[in-house]
Amino acid sequence: MQLKHPIPLLLLAVFTIGAANAGVTEDDFVAKKTQNLINLCTASPQDPHYRDAIHFCHGYLVGAFHYYQASTADKRELKMLCAPEPKPSRNEVIDMFVSWAQQHPEYMSEMPVETEFRFLTEKWPCKKAY
């Protein structure tokens, strides 16, 4: 089988591969959108920014969660999520979040903190007794 137009197909393949391996950008570290955070959390170990990206990912997600914990510590009525016992590890939760976010492209333009808590409250909602 001979292709009638091999050049456009070749260009499409090159651009697709290039986009998939674009790597972490400086804009990702601004974290304006969920997509930026997901790019950081899924950085390839071969990416020159890998270490910074993974540390930023973990720091962002854990920091937002710790702020939530501090702001709701004595206010049961404000709790939006209730983690299971035993609690999953930080890495497990981050992996779950990344997987969930990748399955919900409709949230990739939202602020990452919004998407993080959308995931957490969907995954572990509190059961209100009243």
N, C-alpha and C. Protein backbone atom coordinates (compact mmCIF):
# COMPACT_ATOMS: atom_id res chain seq x y z
N MET A 1 0.84 -1.17 0.00
CA MET A 1 0.00 0.00 0.00
C MET A 1 0.88 1.23 0.00
N GLN A 2 0.64 2.10 -0.97
CA GLN A 2 1.43 3.33 -1.07
C GLN A 2 0.56 4.50 -0.63
N LEU A 3 1.12 5.35 0.23
CA LEU A 3 0.40 6.53 0.71
C LEU A 3 0.44 7.61 -0.35
N LYS A 4 -0.71 8.25 -0.58
CA LYS A 4 -0.78 9.31 -1.59
C LYS A 4 -0.14 10.60 -1.08
N HIS A 5 -0.26 10.86 0.23
CA HIS A 5 0.25 12.11 0.80
C HIS A 5 1.07 11.82 2.06
N PRO A 6 2.26 11.26 1.91
CA PRO A 6 3.03 10.87 3.10
C PRO A 6 3.57 12.07 3.89
N ILE A 7 3.81 13.19 3.25
CA ILE A 7 4.39 14.34 3.96
C ILE A 7 3.43 14.89 5.01
N PRO A 8 2.16 15.16 4.73
CA PRO A 8 1.27 15.65 5.80
C PRO A 8 1.14 14.66 6.97
N LEU A 9 1.12 13.37 6.67
CA LEU A 9 1.05 12.38 7.75
C LEU A 9 2.31 12.40 8.58
N LEU A 10 3.45 12.54 7.95
CA LEU A 10 4.72 12.61 8.66
C LEU A 10 4.76 13.85 9.55
N LEU A 11 4.34 14.99 9.01
CA LEU A 11 4.31 16.23 9.80
C LEU A 11 3.36 16.10 10.99
N LEU A 12 2.21 15.51 10.78
CA LEU A 12 1.26 15.30 11.86
C LEU A 12 1.88 14.44 12.95
N ALA A 13 2.57 13.39 12.57
CA ALA A 13 3.22 12.52 13.56
C ALA A 13 4.29 13.28 14.33
N VAL A 14 5.09 14.07 13.65
CA VAL A 14 6.15 14.83 14.31
C VAL A 14 5.56 15.84 15.29
N PHE A 15 4.53 16.58 14.87
CA PHE A 15 3.92 17.56 15.77
C PHE A 15 3.22 16.91 16.95
N THR A 16 2.59 15.76 16.73
CA THR A 16 1.92 15.05 17.82
C THR A 16 2.93 14.55 18.83
N ILE A 17 4.02 13.97 18.37
CA ILE A 17 5.05 13.49 19.29
C ILE A 17 5.69 14.66 20.01
N GLY A 18 5.96 15.74 19.31
CA GLY A 18 6.55 16.93 19.93
C GLY A 18 5.65 17.52 21.00
N ALA A 19 4.36 17.56 20.75
CA ALA A 19 3.43 18.11 21.74
C ALA A 19 3.35 17.21 22.97
N ALA A 20 3.39 15.91 22.76
CA ALA A 20 3.30 14.98 23.88
C ALA A 20 4.54 15.04 24.76
N ASN A 21 5.68 15.39 24.19
CA ASN A 21 6.93 15.44 24.93
C ASN A 21 7.42 16.86 25.14
N ALA A 22 6.53 17.81 25.14
CA ALA A 22 6.92 19.21 25.25
C ALA A 22 7.61 19.51 26.57
N GLY A 23 7.28 18.79 27.61
CA GLY A 23 7.92 18.98 28.90
C GLY A 23 7.33 20.14 29.68
N VAL A 24 7.93 20.35 30.84
CA VAL A 24 7.49 21.39 31.76
C VAL A 24 7.94 22.75 31.23
N THR A 25 7.06 23.74 31.35
CA THR A 25 7.40 25.10 30.93
C THR A 25 7.43 26.02 32.15
N GLU A 26 8.02 27.18 31.97
CA GLU A 26 8.05 28.18 33.04
C GLU A 26 6.62 28.57 33.43
N ASP A 27 5.71 28.63 32.46
CA ASP A 27 4.31 28.98 32.75
C ASP A 27 3.65 27.97 33.68
N ASP A 28 4.06 26.72 33.60
CA ASP A 28 3.48 25.71 34.48
C ASP A 28 3.72 26.05 35.94
N PHE A 29 4.86 26.64 36.24
CA PHE A 29 5.20 26.97 37.63
C PHE A 29 4.38 28.15 38.17
N VAL A 30 3.68 28.86 37.31
CA VAL A 30 2.77 29.92 37.77
C VAL A 30 1.47 29.29 38.26
N ALA A 31 1.13 28.12 37.74
CA ALA A 31 -0.03 27.32 38.17
C ALA A 31 -1.34 28.09 38.14
N LYS A 32 -1.58 28.77 37.04
CA LYS A 32 -2.86 29.48 36.89
C LYS A 32 -4.01 28.53 36.59
N LYS A 33 -3.70 27.43 35.93
CA LYS A 33 -4.72 26.47 35.51
C LYS A 33 -4.37 25.09 36.03
N THR A 34 -5.40 24.27 36.14
CA THR A 34 -5.20 22.88 36.54
C THR A 34 -4.24 22.18 35.58
N GLN A 35 -4.33 22.47 34.30
CA GLN A 35 -3.43 21.84 33.33
C GLN A 35 -1.97 22.10 33.68
N ASN A 36 -1.66 23.32 34.14
CA ASN A 36 -0.29 23.62 34.55
C ASN A 36 0.16 22.68 35.67
N LEU A 37 -0.69 22.52 36.67
CA LEU A 37 -0.33 21.66 37.80
C LEU A 37 -0.19 20.21 37.36
N ILE A 38 -1.08 19.75 36.51
CA ILE A 38 -0.99 18.37 36.02
C ILE A 38 0.30 18.18 35.22
N ASN A 39 0.70 19.18 34.44
CA ASN A 39 1.97 19.10 33.72
C ASN A 39 3.13 18.91 34.69
N LEU A 40 3.10 19.63 35.80
CA LEU A 40 4.16 19.51 36.79
C LEU A 40 4.13 18.15 37.48
N CYS A 41 2.94 17.71 37.84
CA CYS A 41 2.78 16.44 38.56
C CYS A 41 3.14 15.23 37.70
N THR A 42 3.08 15.38 36.40
CA THR A 42 3.35 14.26 35.50
C THR A 42 4.65 14.45 34.72
N ALA A 43 5.51 15.32 35.19
CA ALA A 43 6.78 15.56 34.51
C ALA A 43 7.56 14.26 34.36
N SER A 44 8.21 14.13 33.25
CA SER A 44 9.04 12.95 32.99
C SER A 44 10.35 13.06 33.77
N PRO A 45 10.84 11.94 34.29
CA PRO A 45 12.15 11.99 34.96
C PRO A 45 13.27 12.51 34.05
N GLN A 46 13.09 12.46 32.74
CA GLN A 46 14.09 12.98 31.81
C GLN A 46 13.97 14.50 31.62
N ASP A 47 12.88 15.10 32.09
CA ASP A 47 12.70 16.54 31.94
C ASP A 47 13.73 17.27 32.82
N PRO A 48 14.39 18.28 32.29
CA PRO A 48 15.38 19.00 33.11
C PRO A 48 14.78 19.68 34.34
N HIS A 49 13.47 19.89 34.34
CA HIS A 49 12.79 20.53 35.48
C HIS A 49 12.07 19.52 36.36
N TYR A 50 12.35 18.22 36.15
CA TYR A 50 11.61 17.17 36.84
C TYR A 50 11.57 17.36 38.36
N ARG A 51 12.71 17.50 38.96
CA ARG A 51 12.76 17.59 40.43
C ARG A 51 11.96 18.79 40.93
N ASP A 52 12.16 19.95 40.33
CA ASP A 52 11.40 21.14 40.74
C ASP A 52 9.91 20.96 40.50
N ALA A 53 9.58 20.32 39.38
CA ALA A 53 8.17 20.12 39.03
C ALA A 53 7.46 19.23 40.05
N ILE A 54 8.06 18.12 40.39
CA ILE A 54 7.45 17.19 41.33
C ILE A 54 7.34 17.83 42.72
N HIS A 55 8.37 18.54 43.12
CA HIS A 55 8.32 19.20 44.43
C HIS A 55 7.26 20.29 44.46
N PHE A 56 7.13 21.03 43.37
CA PHE A 56 6.09 22.06 43.28
C PHE A 56 4.71 21.41 43.35
N CYS A 57 4.52 20.34 42.60
CA CYS A 57 3.24 19.61 42.59
C CYS A 57 2.85 19.20 44.00
N HIS A 58 3.74 18.51 44.67
CA HIS A 58 3.45 18.03 46.02
C HIS A 58 3.25 19.20 46.98
N GLY A 59 4.09 20.22 46.89
CA GLY A 59 3.98 21.37 47.78
C GLY A 59 2.67 22.12 47.59
N TYR A 60 2.26 22.28 46.35
CA TYR A 60 1.00 22.97 46.06
C TYR A 60 -0.18 22.20 46.66
N LEU A 61 -0.27 20.93 46.32
CA LEU A 61 -1.42 20.14 46.76
C LEU A 61 -1.46 19.96 48.27
N VAL A 62 -0.32 19.67 48.88
CA VAL A 62 -0.27 19.48 50.33
C VAL A 62 -0.52 20.81 51.04
N GLY A 63 0.06 21.89 50.53
CA GLY A 63 -0.14 23.20 51.14
C GLY A 63 -1.61 23.61 51.14
N ALA A 64 -2.29 23.41 50.03
CA ALA A 64 -3.71 23.76 49.96
C ALA A 64 -4.51 22.90 50.94
N PHE A 65 -4.18 21.63 51.03
CA PHE A 65 -4.89 20.74 51.95
C PHE A 65 -4.63 21.13 53.40
N HIS A 66 -3.40 21.46 53.73
CA HIS A 66 -3.08 21.88 55.11
C HIS A 66 -3.80 23.17 55.47
N TYR A 67 -3.92 24.08 54.51
CA TYR A 67 -4.67 25.31 54.79
C TYR A 67 -6.13 24.95 55.09
N TYR A 68 -6.71 24.06 54.31
CA TYR A 68 -8.08 23.61 54.54
C TYR A 68 -8.20 22.99 55.93
N GLN A 69 -7.26 22.13 56.29
CA GLN A 69 -7.31 21.49 57.61
C GLN A 69 -7.25 22.54 58.73
N ALA A 70 -6.37 23.51 58.60
CA ALA A 70 -6.23 24.54 59.64
C ALA A 70 -7.48 25.40 59.73
N SER A 71 -8.09 25.71 58.60
CA SER A 71 -9.26 26.59 58.62
C SER A 71 -10.54 25.89 59.07
N THR A 72 -10.54 24.55 59.09
CA THR A 72 -11.74 23.82 59.51
C THR A 72 -11.51 23.00 60.77
N ALA A 73 -10.35 23.14 61.40
CA ALA A 73 -9.98 22.29 62.54
C ALA A 73 -11.03 22.30 63.65
N ASP A 74 -11.54 23.44 64.02
CA ASP A 74 -12.51 23.53 65.11
C ASP A 74 -13.92 23.87 64.61
N LYS A 75 -14.14 23.65 63.33
CA LYS A 75 -15.43 24.02 62.73
C LYS A 75 -15.99 22.84 61.93
N ARG A 76 -16.51 21.89 62.63
CA ARG A 76 -17.03 20.68 62.00
C ARG A 76 -18.03 20.99 60.89
N GLU A 77 -18.83 22.03 61.08
CA GLU A 77 -19.86 22.38 60.09
C GLU A 77 -19.26 22.86 58.77
N LEU A 78 -17.99 23.25 58.75
CA LEU A 78 -17.34 23.71 57.52
C LEU A 78 -16.63 22.60 56.75
N LYS A 79 -16.51 21.45 57.35
CA LYS A 79 -15.78 20.36 56.70
C LYS A 79 -16.50 19.91 55.44
N MET A 80 -15.73 19.87 54.35
CA MET A 80 -16.26 19.45 53.06
C MET A 80 -15.88 18.02 52.72
N LEU A 81 -14.81 17.53 53.35
CA LEU A 81 -14.35 16.19 53.04
C LEU A 81 -13.90 15.48 54.29
N CYS A 82 -14.06 14.19 54.26
CA CYS A 82 -13.69 13.35 55.40
C CYS A 82 -12.85 12.19 54.88
N ALA A 83 -11.57 12.24 55.18
CA ALA A 83 -10.64 11.21 54.70
C ALA A 83 -10.96 9.86 55.34
N PRO A 84 -10.75 8.79 54.62
CA PRO A 84 -11.01 7.45 55.16
C PRO A 84 -9.94 7.06 56.17
N GLU A 85 -10.22 6.04 56.93
CA GLU A 85 -9.23 5.43 57.82
C GLU A 85 -9.01 4.00 57.34
N PRO A 86 -7.84 3.54 57.17
CA PRO A 86 -6.60 4.31 57.30
C PRO A 86 -6.47 5.27 56.13
N LYS A 87 -5.81 6.39 56.40
CA LYS A 87 -5.63 7.41 55.37
C LYS A 87 -4.65 6.90 54.31
N PRO A 88 -4.96 7.17 53.05
CA PRO A 88 -4.00 6.81 51.99
C PRO A 88 -2.76 7.70 52.10
N SER A 89 -1.67 7.26 51.54
CA SER A 89 -0.44 8.05 51.57
C SER A 89 -0.58 9.29 50.68
N ARG A 90 0.28 10.25 50.92
CA ARG A 90 0.30 11.47 50.10
C ARG A 90 0.48 11.10 48.63
N ASN A 91 1.43 10.22 48.32
CA ASN A 91 1.66 9.84 46.93
C ASN A 91 0.44 9.16 46.31
N GLU A 92 -0.24 8.33 47.09
CA GLU A 92 -1.46 7.68 46.57
C GLU A 92 -2.53 8.71 46.23
N VAL A 93 -2.72 9.67 47.11
CA VAL A 93 -3.76 10.69 46.87
C VAL A 93 -3.39 11.55 45.67
N ILE A 94 -2.13 11.92 45.56
CA ILE A 94 -1.72 12.73 44.41
C ILE A 94 -1.89 11.94 43.11
N ASP A 95 -1.54 10.67 43.12
CA ASP A 95 -1.75 9.84 41.93
C ASP A 95 -3.24 9.74 41.59
N MET A 96 -4.09 9.60 42.60
CA MET A 96 -5.54 9.54 42.37
C MET A 96 -6.03 10.85 41.79
N PHE A 97 -5.54 11.96 42.35
CA PHE A 97 -5.95 13.28 41.84
C PHE A 97 -5.55 13.46 40.38
N VAL A 98 -4.31 13.14 40.05
CA VAL A 98 -3.83 13.29 38.67
C VAL A 98 -4.68 12.45 37.72
N SER A 99 -4.91 11.21 38.08
CA SER A 99 -5.72 10.32 37.25
C SER A 99 -7.14 10.88 37.07
N TRP A 100 -7.73 11.33 38.17
CA TRP A 100 -9.08 11.89 38.13
C TRP A 100 -9.11 13.14 37.25
N ALA A 101 -8.14 14.01 37.42
CA ALA A 101 -8.10 15.26 36.64
C ALA A 101 -7.95 14.96 35.15
N GLN A 102 -7.13 13.99 34.81
CA GLN A 102 -6.94 13.63 33.41
C GLN A 102 -8.22 13.07 32.80
N GLN A 103 -9.09 12.51 33.61
CA GLN A 103 -10.38 12.01 33.14
C GLN A 103 -11.44 13.10 33.09
N HIS A 104 -11.10 14.30 33.56
CA HIS A 104 -12.03 15.43 33.58
C HIS A 104 -11.42 16.65 32.92
N PRO A 105 -11.23 16.59 31.60
CA PRO A 105 -10.60 17.71 30.90
C PRO A 105 -11.39 19.01 31.01
N GLU A 106 -12.66 18.90 31.36
CA GLU A 106 -13.49 20.11 31.49
C GLU A 106 -13.01 21.04 32.61
N TYR A 107 -12.17 20.53 33.51
CA TYR A 107 -11.67 21.35 34.62
C TYR A 107 -10.25 21.85 34.40
N MET A 108 -9.63 21.54 33.29
CA MET A 108 -8.22 21.88 33.07
C MET A 108 -7.96 23.38 33.01
N SER A 109 -8.97 24.19 32.74
CA SER A 109 -8.78 25.64 32.70
C SER A 109 -9.11 26.31 34.03
N GLU A 110 -9.58 25.54 35.00
CA GLU A 110 -9.91 26.10 36.31
C GLU A 110 -8.66 26.26 37.16
N MET A 111 -8.79 27.03 38.24
CA MET A 111 -7.70 27.15 39.19
C MET A 111 -7.41 25.77 39.79
N PRO A 112 -6.16 25.41 39.94
CA PRO A 112 -5.83 24.07 40.46
C PRO A 112 -6.43 23.78 41.83
N VAL A 113 -6.48 24.76 42.70
CA VAL A 113 -7.03 24.52 44.04
C VAL A 113 -8.51 24.16 43.96
N GLU A 114 -9.24 24.77 43.03
CA GLU A 114 -10.65 24.43 42.83
C GLU A 114 -10.79 22.98 42.39
N THR A 115 -9.95 22.58 41.45
CA THR A 115 -10.02 21.21 40.95
C THR A 115 -9.60 20.21 42.02
N GLU A 116 -8.58 20.56 42.79
CA GLU A 116 -8.15 19.68 43.87
C GLU A 116 -9.30 19.40 44.83
N PHE A 117 -10.01 20.44 45.25
CA PHE A 117 -11.08 20.22 46.22
C PHE A 117 -12.34 19.65 45.58
N ARG A 118 -12.51 19.85 44.31
CA ARG A 118 -13.61 19.17 43.60
C ARG A 118 -13.36 17.66 43.66
N PHE A 119 -12.12 17.26 43.40
CA PHE A 119 -11.75 15.85 43.47
C PHE A 119 -11.92 15.31 44.89
N LEU A 120 -11.34 16.01 45.87
CA LEU A 120 -11.37 15.52 47.25
C LEU A 120 -12.79 15.38 47.79
N THR A 121 -13.66 16.35 47.50
CA THR A 121 -15.03 16.29 48.01
C THR A 121 -15.86 15.25 47.27
N GLU A 122 -15.49 14.97 46.03
CA GLU A 122 -16.18 13.90 45.30
C GLU A 122 -15.71 12.54 45.80
N LYS A 123 -14.42 12.43 46.07
CA LYS A 123 -13.83 11.15 46.50
C LYS A 123 -14.20 10.80 47.94
N TRP A 124 -14.14 11.80 48.84
CA TRP A 124 -14.38 11.55 50.26
C TRP A 124 -15.31 12.59 50.86
N PRO A 125 -16.57 12.62 50.43
CA PRO A 125 -17.50 13.59 51.02
C PRO A 125 -17.81 13.23 52.47
N CYS A 126 -18.10 14.26 53.24
CA CYS A 126 -18.52 14.01 54.63
C CYS A 126 -20.00 13.63 54.62
N LYS A 127 -20.35 12.70 55.42
CA LYS A 127 -21.76 12.31 55.56
C LYS A 127 -22.34 13.12 56.70
N LYS A 128 -23.20 14.03 56.37
CA LYS A 128 -23.82 14.91 57.37
C LYS A 128 -24.86 14.13 58.18
N ALA A 129 -24.81 14.30 59.47
CA ALA A 129 -25.72 13.59 60.37
C ALA A 129 -26.97 14.42 60.67
N TYR A 130 -27.09 15.58 60.07
CA TYR A 130 -28.25 16.43 60.38
C TYR A 130 -29.04 16.76 59.16
